[in-house]
Every structure is written in structure tokens, then in C-alpha cells.
Amino acid sequence: MKLKRSKLTTKLIVFALIIYAAGALISLQALSEEARQINTELEKQVSETEIDNANLEYAIENHDDPDVIADIARSYLGLALHGEVVVYDDPSEQDGND
């Protein structure tokens, strides 16, 4: 009788360990997927920052180029050349009936 009881106890312990391991595996898979998503977003941010840095390096290296000066004036200062028409797009004024 004791032998049957110890076999049953052993089987229950093994079953509990398998259930625990399965739960831990599912939890780790969810964490792994979340980490992949964060990694993808961070890689995107790194790429955007590298592009921004390259543009800034170009602007620094060519700081005396009239085209670079005009681009900086337009992009950062909102200036325009004489005779240019400036159009501002305000997305908050769109009614969504495109």
C-alpha cells in the first residue's frame, strides 16, 4: 500500500513540476516577445538618430554653402526667400472627410 502511495505522490510531484515548467515557459515566451518589440523600436530610434547625426555633420561641414544656410533658415527658423509662398498645414483643422 505504501508503495502505491509513494508512486502516486511521485507522479503528482512530477506532474506539478511539468505544469510549473510549462507556465514558466509561457511566461518567458511573453517576456521574450516583449523584449523583441522593444529591441525593434530601439533599433528604429538608433537608425533615425544616425540619419539625424549624418545630416547635422553635413550641415557642419558645409556651413558656408548657401544652399545649406537656406535649408537651415527654412527648416529651423521658418524663414523664406523673397517671393516664396509659405503654406502651413494644420492637421487639427482637417475634418476627416478626405
PDB file of N, CA and C in Angstrom:
ATOM      1  N   MET A   1       0.811  -1.179   0.000  1.00  0.00           N
ATOM      2  CA  MET A   1       0.000   0.000   0.000  1.00  0.00           C
ATOM      3  C   MET A   1       0.862   1.253   0.000  1.00  0.00           C
ATOM      4  N   LYS A   2       1.954   1.182   0.817  1.00  0.00           N
ATOM      5  CA  LYS A   2       2.847   2.326   0.865  1.00  0.00           C
ATOM      6  C   LYS A   2       3.509   2.551  -0.485  1.00  0.00           C
ATOM      7  N   LEU A   3       3.840   1.498  -1.188  1.00  0.00           N
ATOM      8  CA  LEU A   3       4.498   1.603  -2.484  1.00  0.00           C
ATOM      9  C   LEU A   3       3.588   2.286  -3.485  1.00  0.00           C
ATOM     10  N   LYS A   4       2.295   1.948  -3.498  1.00  0.00           N
ATOM     11  CA  LYS A   4       1.358   2.605  -4.398  1.00  0.00           C
ATOM     12  C   LYS A   4       1.212   4.076  -4.045  1.00  0.00           C
ATOM     13  N   ARG A   5       1.190   4.356  -2.759  1.00  0.00           N
ATOM     14  CA  ARG A   5       1.032   5.732  -2.314  1.00  0.00           C
ATOM     15  C   ARG A   5       2.263   6.561  -2.701  1.00  0.00           C
ATOM     16  N   SER A   6       3.468   6.011  -2.563  1.00  0.00           N
ATOM     17  CA  SER A   6       4.686   6.751  -2.911  1.00  0.00           C
ATOM     18  C   SER A   6       4.770   6.946  -4.426  1.00  0.00           C
ATOM     19  N   LYS A   7       4.298   5.970  -5.214  1.00  0.00           N
ATOM     20  CA  LYS A   7       4.274   6.134  -6.675  1.00  0.00           C
ATOM     21  C   LYS A   7       3.310   7.239  -7.068  1.00  0.00           C
ATOM     22  N   LEU A   8       2.157   7.262  -6.409  1.00  0.00           N
ATOM     23  CA  LEU A   8       1.170   8.295  -6.690  1.00  0.00           C
ATOM     24  C   LEU A   8       1.721   9.668  -6.312  1.00  0.00           C
ATOM     25  N   THR A   9       2.369   9.760  -5.167  1.00  0.00           N
ATOM     26  CA  THR A   9       2.966  11.020  -4.724  1.00  0.00           C
ATOM     27  C   THR A   9       4.036  11.461  -5.712  1.00  0.00           C
ATOM     28  N   THR A  10       4.855  10.551  -6.159  1.00  0.00           N
ATOM     29  CA  THR A  10       5.912  10.862  -7.126  1.00  0.00           C
ATOM     30  C   THR A  10       5.302  11.353  -8.434  1.00  0.00           C
ATOM     31  N   LYS A  11       4.262  10.671  -8.875  1.00  0.00           N
ATOM     32  CA  LYS A  11       3.604  11.091 -10.115  1.00  0.00           C
ATOM     33  C   LYS A  11       2.994  12.486  -9.970  1.00  0.00           C
ATOM     34  N   LEU A  12       2.376  12.764  -8.838  1.00  0.00           N
ATOM     35  CA  LEU A  12       1.795  14.080  -8.596  1.00  0.00           C
ATOM     36  C   LEU A  12       2.876  15.167  -8.563  1.00  0.00           C
ATOM     37  N   ILE A  13       3.990  14.871  -7.940  1.00  0.00           N
ATOM     38  CA  ILE A  13       5.089  15.838  -7.885  1.00  0.00           C
ATOM     39  C   ILE A  13       5.637  16.097  -9.281  1.00  0.00           C
ATOM     40  N   VAL A  14       5.835  15.047 -10.064  1.00  0.00           N
ATOM     41  CA  VAL A  14       6.334  15.198 -11.433  1.00  0.00           C
ATOM     42  C   VAL A  14       5.333  15.987 -12.271  1.00  0.00           C
ATOM     43  N   PHE A  15       4.064  15.679 -12.134  1.00  0.00           N
ATOM     44  CA  PHE A  15       3.021  16.397 -12.869  1.00  0.00           C
ATOM     45  C   PHE A  15       3.017  17.875 -12.487  1.00  0.00           C
ATOM     46  N   ALA A  16       3.136  18.173 -11.187  1.00  0.00           N
ATOM     47  CA  ALA A  16       3.169  19.563 -10.725  1.00  0.00           C
ATOM     48  C   ALA A  16       4.385  20.289 -11.292  1.00  0.00           C
ATOM     49  N   LEU A  17       5.516  19.607 -11.329  1.00  0.00           N
ATOM     50  CA  LEU A  17       6.732  20.209 -11.892  1.00  0.00           C
ATOM     51  C   LEU A  17       6.576  20.480 -13.380  1.00  0.00           C
ATOM     52  N   ILE A  18       5.933  19.579 -14.097  1.00  0.00           N
ATOM     53  CA  ILE A  18       5.700  19.782 -15.531  1.00  0.00           C
ATOM     54  C   ILE A  18       4.779  20.978 -15.748  1.00  0.00           C
ATOM     55  N   ILE A  19       3.717  21.077 -14.959  1.00  0.00           N
ATOM     56  CA  ILE A  19       2.797  22.219 -15.061  1.00  0.00           C
ATOM     57  C   ILE A  19       3.534  23.516 -14.744  1.00  0.00           C
ATOM     58  N   TYR A  20       4.359  23.508 -13.707  1.00  0.00           N
ATOM     59  CA  TYR A  20       5.122  24.695 -13.341  1.00  0.00           C
ATOM     60  C   TYR A  20       6.087  25.081 -14.469  1.00  0.00           C
ATOM     61  N   ALA A  21       6.777  24.099 -15.030  1.00  0.00           N
ATOM     62  CA  ALA A  21       7.728  24.368 -16.113  1.00  0.00           C
ATOM     63  C   ALA A  21       7.000  24.925 -17.340  1.00  0.00           C
ATOM     64  N   ALA A  22       5.826  24.392 -17.653  1.00  0.00           N
ATOM     65  CA  ALA A  22       5.056  24.896 -18.794  1.00  0.00           C
ATOM     66  C   ALA A  22       4.631  26.340 -18.550  1.00  0.00           C
ATOM     67  N   GLY A  23       4.175  26.633 -17.356  1.00  0.00           N
ATOM     68  CA  GLY A  23       3.796  28.008 -17.025  1.00  0.00           C
ATOM     69  C   GLY A  23       4.984  28.957 -17.113  1.00  0.00           C
ATOM     70  N   ALA A  24       6.125  28.524 -16.618  1.00  0.00           N
ATOM     71  CA  ALA A  24       7.328  29.355 -16.678  1.00  0.00           C
ATOM     72  C   ALA A  24       7.749  29.574 -18.128  1.00  0.00           C
ATOM     73  N   LEU A  25       7.634  28.545 -18.956  1.00  0.00           N
ATOM     74  CA  LEU A  25       7.996  28.665 -20.370  1.00  0.00           C
ATOM     75  C   LEU A  25       7.084  29.662 -21.083  1.00  0.00           C
ATOM     76  N   ILE A  26       5.800  29.595 -20.818  1.00  0.00           N
ATOM     77  CA  ILE A  26       4.854  30.535 -21.434  1.00  0.00           C
ATOM     78  C   ILE A  26       5.162  31.959 -20.985  1.00  0.00           C
ATOM     79  N   SER A  27       5.462  32.123 -19.716  1.00  0.00           N
ATOM     80  CA  SER A  27       5.810  33.449 -19.193  1.00  0.00           C
ATOM     81  C   SER A  27       7.083  33.973 -19.854  1.00  0.00           C
ATOM     82  N   LEU A  28       8.077  33.119 -20.006  1.00  0.00           N
ATOM     83  CA  LEU A  28       9.331  33.528 -20.642  1.00  0.00           C
ATOM     84  C   LEU A  28       9.129  33.871 -22.120  1.00  0.00           C
ATOM     85  N   GLN A  29       8.246  33.157 -22.792  1.00  0.00           N
ATOM     86  CA  GLN A  29       7.966  33.471 -24.191  1.00  0.00           C
ATOM     87  C   GLN A  29       7.329  34.853 -24.318  1.00  0.00           C
ATOM     88  N   ALA A  30       6.427  35.189 -23.408  1.00  0.00           N
ATOM     89  CA  ALA A  30       5.799  36.509 -23.433  1.00  0.00           C
ATOM     90  C   ALA A  30       6.844  37.597 -23.184  1.00  0.00           C
ATOM     91  N   LEU A  31       7.721  37.371 -22.229  1.00  0.00           N
ATOM     92  CA  LEU A  31       8.790  38.335 -21.950  1.00  0.00           C
ATOM     93  C   LEU A  31       9.738  38.465 -23.133  1.00  0.00           C
ATOM     94  N   SER A  32      10.022  37.352 -23.775  1.00  0.00           N
ATOM     95  CA  SER A  32      10.912  37.365 -24.938  1.00  0.00           C
ATOM     96  C   SER A  32      10.297  38.165 -26.082  1.00  0.00           C
ATOM     97  N   GLU A  33       9.016  38.001 -26.324  1.00  0.00           N
ATOM     98  CA  GLU A  33       8.336  38.748 -27.384  1.00  0.00           C
ATOM     99  C   GLU A  33       8.337  40.243 -27.070  1.00  0.00           C
ATOM    100  N   GLU A  34       8.097  40.581 -25.822  1.00  0.00           N
ATOM    101  CA  GLU A  34       8.120  41.984 -25.419  1.00  0.00           C
ATOM    102  C   GLU A  34       9.520  42.579 -25.615  1.00  0.00           C
ATOM    103  N   ALA A  35      10.536  41.808 -25.271  1.00  0.00           N
ATOM    104  CA  ALA A  35      11.916  42.274 -25.459  1.00  0.00           C
ATOM    105  C   ALA A  35      12.229  42.465 -26.943  1.00  0.00           C
ATOM    106  N   ARG A  36      11.720  41.583 -27.800  1.00  0.00           N
ATOM    107  CA  ARG A  36      11.927  41.733 -29.255  1.00  0.00           C
ATOM    108  C   ARG A  36      11.290  43.023 -29.761  1.00  0.00           C
ATOM    109  N   GLN A  37      10.082  43.314 -29.285  1.00  0.00           N
ATOM    110  CA  GLN A  37       9.401  44.538 -29.704  1.00  0.00           C
ATOM    111  C   GLN A  37      10.160  45.777 -29.244  1.00  0.00           C
ATOM    112  N   ILE A  38      10.647  45.756 -28.024  1.00  0.00           N
ATOM    113  CA  ILE A  38      11.436  46.882 -27.515  1.00  0.00           C
ATOM    114  C   ILE A  38      12.711  47.027 -28.322  1.00  0.00           C
ATOM    115  N   ASN A  39      13.358  45.907 -28.634  1.00  0.00           N
ATOM    116  CA  ASN A  39      14.588  45.934 -29.427  1.00  0.00           C
ATOM    117  C   ASN A  39      14.337  46.520 -30.815  1.00  0.00           C
ATOM    118  N   THR A  40      13.235  46.142 -31.438  1.00  0.00           N
ATOM    119  CA  THR A  40      12.899  46.664 -32.761  1.00  0.00           C
ATOM    120  C   THR A  40      12.691  48.170 -32.705  1.00  0.00           C
ATOM    121  N   GLU A  41      11.980  48.643 -31.690  1.00  0.00           N
ATOM    122  CA  GLU A  41      11.739  50.080 -31.537  1.00  0.00           C
ATOM    123  C   GLU A  41      13.050  50.827 -31.287  1.00  0.00           C
ATOM    124  N   LEU A  42      13.916  50.255 -30.473  1.00  0.00           N
ATOM    125  CA  LEU A  42      15.197  50.901 -30.197  1.00  0.00           C
ATOM    126  C   LEU A  42      16.087  50.937 -31.440  1.00  0.00           C
ATOM    127  N   GLU A  43      16.063  49.865 -32.234  1.00  0.00           N
ATOM    128  CA  GLU A  43      16.837  49.862 -33.481  1.00  0.00           C
ATOM    129  C   GLU A  43      16.320  50.940 -34.431  1.00  0.00           C
ATOM    130  N   LYS A  44      15.016  51.128 -34.470  1.00  0.00           N
ATOM    131  CA  LYS A  44      14.428  52.180 -35.305  1.00  0.00           C
ATOM    132  C   LYS A  44      14.891  53.553 -34.824  1.00  0.00           C
ATOM    133  N   GLN A  45      14.882  53.764 -33.510  1.00  0.00           N
ATOM    134  CA  GLN A  45      15.335  55.041 -32.958  1.00  0.00           C
ATOM    135  C   GLN A  45      16.813  55.273 -33.251  1.00  0.00           C
ATOM    136  N   VAL A  46      17.624  54.230 -33.177  1.00  0.00           N
ATOM    137  CA  VAL A  46      19.052  54.360 -33.478  1.00  0.00           C
ATOM    138  C   VAL A  46      19.244  54.757 -34.935  1.00  0.00           C
ATOM    139  N   SER A  47      18.496  54.129 -35.835  1.00  0.00           N
ATOM    140  CA  SER A  47      18.600  54.460 -37.264  1.00  0.00           C
ATOM    141  C   SER A  47      18.213  55.911 -37.508  1.00  0.00           C
ATOM    142  N   GLU A  48      17.133  56.362 -36.886  1.00  0.00           N
ATOM    143  CA  GLU A  48      16.696  57.751 -37.062  1.00  0.00           C
ATOM    144  C   GLU A  48      17.741  58.721 -36.510  1.00  0.00           C
ATOM    145  N   THR A  49      18.318  58.380 -35.378  1.00  0.00           N
ATOM    146  CA  THR A  49      19.344  59.236 -34.779  1.00  0.00           C
ATOM    147  C   THR A  49      20.596  59.277 -35.641  1.00  0.00           C
ATOM    148  N   GLU A  50      20.968  58.135 -36.226  1.00  0.00           N
ATOM    149  CA  GLU A  50      22.133  58.115 -37.113  1.00  0.00           C
ATOM    150  C   GLU A  50      21.901  58.990 -38.339  1.00  0.00           C
ATOM    151  N   ILE A  51      20.691  58.967 -38.883  1.00  0.00           N
ATOM    152  CA  ILE A  51      20.365  59.821 -40.028  1.00  0.00           C
ATOM    153  C   ILE A  51      20.428  61.288 -39.620  1.00  0.00           C
ATOM    154  N   ASP A  52      19.850  61.612 -38.458  1.00  0.00           N
ATOM    155  CA  ASP A  52      19.908  62.989 -37.957  1.00  0.00           C
ATOM    156  C   ASP A  52      21.353  63.437 -37.766  1.00  0.00           C
ATOM    157  N   ASN A  53      22.182  62.561 -37.202  1.00  0.00           N
ATOM    158  CA  ASN A  53      23.591  62.898 -36.993  1.00  0.00           C
ATOM    159  C   ASN A  53      24.316  63.131 -38.306  1.00  0.00           C
ATOM    160  N   ALA A  54      24.025  62.295 -39.299  1.00  0.00           N
ATOM    161  CA  ALA A  54      24.656  62.470 -40.610  1.00  0.00           C
ATOM    162  C   ALA A  54      24.247  63.802 -41.223  1.00  0.00           C
ATOM    163  N   ASN A  55      22.979  64.154 -41.096  1.00  0.00           N
ATOM    164  CA  ASN A  55      22.516  65.442 -41.617  1.00  0.00           C
ATOM    165  C   ASN A  55      23.181  66.608 -40.892  1.00  0.00           C
ATOM    166  N   LEU A  56      23.317  66.498 -39.584  1.00  0.00           N
ATOM    167  CA  LEU A  56      23.979  67.555 -38.820  1.00  0.00           C
ATOM    168  C   LEU A  56      25.460  67.663 -39.174  1.00  0.00           C
ATOM    169  N   GLU A  57      26.122  66.518 -39.339  1.00  0.00           N
ATOM    170  CA  GLU A  57      27.532  66.541 -39.743  1.00  0.00           C
ATOM    171  C   GLU A  57      27.693  67.213 -41.107  1.00  0.00           C
ATOM    172  N   TYR A  58      26.781  66.911 -42.026  1.00  0.00           N
ATOM    173  CA  TYR A  58      26.828  67.542 -43.342  1.00  0.00           C
ATOM    174  C   TYR A  58      26.639  69.055 -43.211  1.00  0.00           C
ATOM    175  N   ALA A  59      25.685  69.456 -42.378  1.00  0.00           N
ATOM    176  CA  ALA A  59      25.438  70.889 -42.194  1.00  0.00           C
ATOM    177  C   ALA A  59      26.645  71.579 -41.576  1.00  0.00           C
ATOM    178  N   ILE A  60      27.318  70.916 -40.652  1.00  0.00           N
ATOM    179  CA  ILE A  60      28.508  71.498 -40.028  1.00  0.00           C
ATOM    180  C   ILE A  60      29.648  71.608 -41.032  1.00  0.00           C
ATOM    181  N   GLU A  61      29.861  70.532 -41.792  1.00  0.00           N
ATOM    182  CA  GLU A  61      30.959  70.525 -42.761  1.00  0.00           C
ATOM    183  C   GLU A  61      30.736  71.539 -43.882  1.00  0.00           C
ATOM    184  N   ASN A  62      29.476  71.812 -44.209  1.00  0.00           N
ATOM    185  CA  ASN A  62      29.152  72.715 -45.316  1.00  0.00           C
ATOM    186  C   ASN A  62      28.439  73.970 -44.814  1.00  0.00           C
ATOM    187  N   HIS A  63      28.881  74.462 -43.662  1.00  0.00           N
ATOM    188  CA  HIS A  63      28.210  75.601 -43.039  1.00  0.00           C
ATOM    189  C   HIS A  63      28.277  76.882 -43.872  1.00  0.00           C
ATOM    190  N   ASP A  64      29.192  76.947 -44.807  1.00  0.00           N
ATOM    191  CA  ASP A  64      29.302  78.162 -45.620  1.00  0.00           C
ATOM    192  C   ASP A  64      28.616  78.025 -46.985  1.00  0.00           C
ATOM    193  N   ASP A  65      27.990  76.902 -47.242  1.00  0.00           N
ATOM    194  CA  ASP A  65      27.282  76.667 -48.503  1.00  0.00           C
ATOM    195  C   ASP A  65      25.931  77.391 -48.452  1.00  0.00           C
ATOM    196  N   PRO A  66      25.634  78.236 -49.422  1.00  0.00           N
ATOM    197  CA  PRO A  66      24.363  78.985 -49.407  1.00  0.00           C
ATOM    198  C   PRO A  66      23.124  78.085 -49.374  1.00  0.00           C
ATOM    199  N   ASP A  67      23.184  76.936 -50.027  1.00  0.00           N
ATOM    200  CA  ASP A  67      22.031  76.029 -50.010  1.00  0.00           C
ATOM    201  C   ASP A  67      21.792  75.460 -48.608  1.00  0.00           C
ATOM    202  N   VAL A  68      22.880  75.144 -47.912  1.00  0.00           N
ATOM    203  CA  VAL A  68      22.752  74.628 -46.543  1.00  0.00           C
ATOM    204  C   VAL A  68      22.202  75.714 -45.633  1.00  0.00           C
ATOM    205  N   ILE A  69      22.697  76.925 -45.794  1.00  0.00           N
ATOM    206  CA  ILE A  69      22.213  78.046 -44.991  1.00  0.00           C
ATOM    207  C   ILE A  69      20.718  78.273 -45.237  1.00  0.00           C
ATOM    208  N   ALA A  70      20.318  78.239 -46.505  1.00  0.00           N
ATOM    209  CA  ALA A  70      18.903  78.429 -46.836  1.00  0.00           C
ATOM    210  C   ALA A  70      18.046  77.303 -46.260  1.00  0.00           C
ATOM    211  N   ASP A  71      18.545  76.082 -46.317  1.00  0.00           N
ATOM    212  CA  ASP A  71      17.797  74.944 -45.774  1.00  0.00           C
ATOM    213  C   ASP A  71      17.628  75.077 -44.267  1.00  0.00           C
ATOM    214  N   ILE A  72      18.692  75.488 -43.572  1.00  0.00           N
ATOM    215  CA  ILE A  72      18.603  75.687 -42.122  1.00  0.00           C
ATOM    216  C   ILE A  72      17.624  76.808 -41.813  1.00  0.00           C
ATOM    217  N   ALA A  73      17.677  77.876 -42.579  1.00  0.00           N
ATOM    218  CA  ALA A  73      16.765  79.000 -42.355  1.00  0.00           C
ATOM    219  C   ALA A  73      15.310  78.575 -42.541  1.00  0.00           C
ATOM    220  N   ARG A  74      15.063  77.740 -43.542  1.00  0.00           N
ATOM    221  CA  ARG A  74      13.690  77.265 -43.783  1.00  0.00           C
ATOM    222  C   ARG A  74      13.253  76.273 -42.704  1.00  0.00           C
ATOM    223  N   SER A  75      14.105  75.288 -42.439  1.00  0.00           N
ATOM    224  CA  SER A  75      13.720  74.191 -41.550  1.00  0.00           C
ATOM    225  C   SER A  75      13.604  74.611 -40.098  1.00  0.00           C
ATOM    226  N   TYR A  76      14.583  75.332 -39.606  1.00  0.00           N
ATOM    227  CA  TYR A  76      14.638  75.614 -38.176  1.00  0.00           C
ATOM    228  C   TYR A  76      14.106  77.000 -37.799  1.00  0.00           C
ATOM    229  N   LEU A  77      14.205  77.940 -38.715  1.00  0.00           N
ATOM    230  CA  LEU A  77      13.807  79.310 -38.385  1.00  0.00           C
ATOM    231  C   LEU A  77      12.490  79.725 -39.034  1.00  0.00           C
ATOM    232  N   GLY A  78      11.983  78.920 -39.964  1.00  0.00           N
ATOM    233  CA  GLY A  78      10.725  79.222 -40.620  1.00  0.00           C
ATOM    234  C   GLY A  78      10.811  80.397 -41.586  1.00  0.00           C
ATOM    235  N   LEU A  79      12.011  80.680 -42.071  1.00  0.00           N
ATOM    236  CA  LEU A  79      12.197  81.802 -42.988  1.00  0.00           C
ATOM    237  C   LEU A  79      11.970  81.366 -44.421  1.00  0.00           C
ATOM    238  N   ALA A  80      11.774  82.343 -45.307  1.00  0.00           N
ATOM    239  CA  ALA A  80      11.580  82.076 -46.730  1.00  0.00           C
ATOM    240  C   ALA A  80      12.268  83.169 -47.536  1.00  0.00           C
ATOM    241  N   LEU A  81      12.625  82.827 -48.760  1.00  0.00           N
ATOM    242  CA  LEU A  81      13.217  83.815 -49.649  1.00  0.00           C
ATOM    243  C   LEU A  81      12.145  84.793 -50.120  1.00  0.00           C
ATOM    244  N   HIS A  82      12.591  85.950 -50.535  1.00  0.00           N
ATOM    245  CA  HIS A  82      11.674  86.962 -51.043  1.00  0.00           C
ATOM    246  C   HIS A  82      10.928  86.391 -52.261  1.00  0.00           C
ATOM    247  N   GLY A  83       9.611  86.469 -52.236  1.00  0.00           N
ATOM    248  CA  GLY A  83       8.804  85.988 -53.348  1.00  0.00           C
ATOM    249  C   GLY A  83       8.312  84.558 -53.174  1.00  0.00           C
ATOM    250  N   GLU A  84       8.832  83.814 -52.202  1.00  0.00           N
ATOM    251  CA  GLU A  84       8.365  82.452 -51.972  1.00  0.00           C
ATOM    252  C   GLU A  84       7.031  82.487 -51.227  1.00  0.00           C
ATOM    253  N   VAL A  85       6.179  81.552 -51.554  1.00  0.00           N
ATOM    254  CA  VAL A  85       4.890  81.442 -50.874  1.00  0.00           C
ATOM    255  C   VAL A  85       5.024  80.350 -49.817  1.00  0.00           C
ATOM    256  N   VAL A  86       4.677  80.663 -48.588  1.00  0.00           N
ATOM    257  CA  VAL A  86       4.758  79.715 -47.482  1.00  0.00           C
ATOM    258  C   VAL A  86       3.353  79.231 -47.166  1.00  0.00           C
ATOM    259  N   VAL A  87       3.191  77.899 -47.135  1.00  0.00           N
ATOM    260  CA  VAL A  87       1.896  77.298 -46.832  1.00  0.00           C
ATOM    261  C   VAL A  87       2.062  76.467 -45.566  1.00  0.00           C
ATOM    262  N   TYR A  88       1.218  76.721 -44.570  1.00  0.00           N
ATOM    263  CA  TYR A  88       1.236  75.970 -43.326  1.00  0.00           C
ATOM    264  C   TYR A  88       0.060  75.006 -43.307  1.00  0.00           C
ATOM    265  N   ASP A  89       0.343  73.763 -42.982  1.00  0.00           N
ATOM    266  CA  ASP A  89      -0.687  72.732 -42.914  1.00  0.00           C
ATOM    267  C   ASP A  89      -0.960  72.445 -41.447  1.00  0.00           C
ATOM    268  N   ASP A  90      -2.187  72.709 -41.014  1.00  0.00           N
ATOM    269  CA  ASP A  90      -2.569  72.470 -39.633  1.00  0.00           C
ATOM    270  C   ASP A  90      -3.462  71.236 -39.590  1.00  0.00           C
ATOM    271  N   PRO A  91      -2.919  70.092 -39.172  1.00  0.00           N
ATOM    272  CA  PRO A  91      -3.710  68.862 -39.175  1.00  0.00           C
ATOM    273  C   PRO A  91      -4.908  68.912 -38.239  1.00  0.00           C
ATOM    274  N   SER A  92      -4.888  69.770 -37.235  1.00  0.00           N
ATOM    275  CA  SER A  92      -6.018  69.844 -36.312  1.00  0.00           C
ATOM    276  C   SER A  92      -7.251  70.462 -36.969  1.00  0.00           C
ATOM    277  N   GLU A  93      -7.072  71.149 -38.090  1.00  0.00           N
ATOM    278  CA  GLU A  93      -8.207  71.771 -38.778  1.00  0.00           C
ATOM    279  C   GLU A  93      -8.855  70.869 -39.819  1.00  0.00           C
ATOM    280  N   GLN A  94      -8.297  69.696 -40.035  1.00  0.00           N
ATOM    281  CA  GLN A  94      -8.867  68.771 -41.017  1.00  0.00           C
ATOM    282  C   GLN A  94     -10.115  68.137 -40.413  1.00  0.00           C
ATOM    283  N   ASP A  95     -11.142  67.991 -41.246  1.00  0.00           N
ATOM    284  CA  ASP A  95     -12.402  67.438 -40.766  1.00  0.00           C
ATOM    285  C   ASP A  95     -12.491  65.933 -40.916  1.00  0.00           C
ATOM    286  N   GLY A  96     -11.520  65.320 -41.573  1.00  0.00           N
ATOM    287  CA  GLY A  96     -11.507  63.863 -41.743  1.00  0.00           C
ATOM    288  C   GLY A  96     -12.380  63.381 -42.880  1.00  0.00           C
ATOM    289  N   ASN A  97     -12.933  64.252 -43.704  1.00  0.00           N
ATOM    290  CA  ASN A  97     -13.760  63.862 -44.843  1.00  0.00           C
ATOM    291  C   ASN A  97     -12.969  63.926 -46.122  1.00  0.00           C
ATOM    292  N   ASP A  98     -11.849  63.229 -46.157  1.00  0.00           N
ATOM    293  CA  ASP A  98     -10.983  63.257 -47.345  1.00  0.00           C
ATOM    294  C   ASP A  98     -11.556  62.459 -48.477  1.00  0.00           C
TER     295      ASP A  98
END
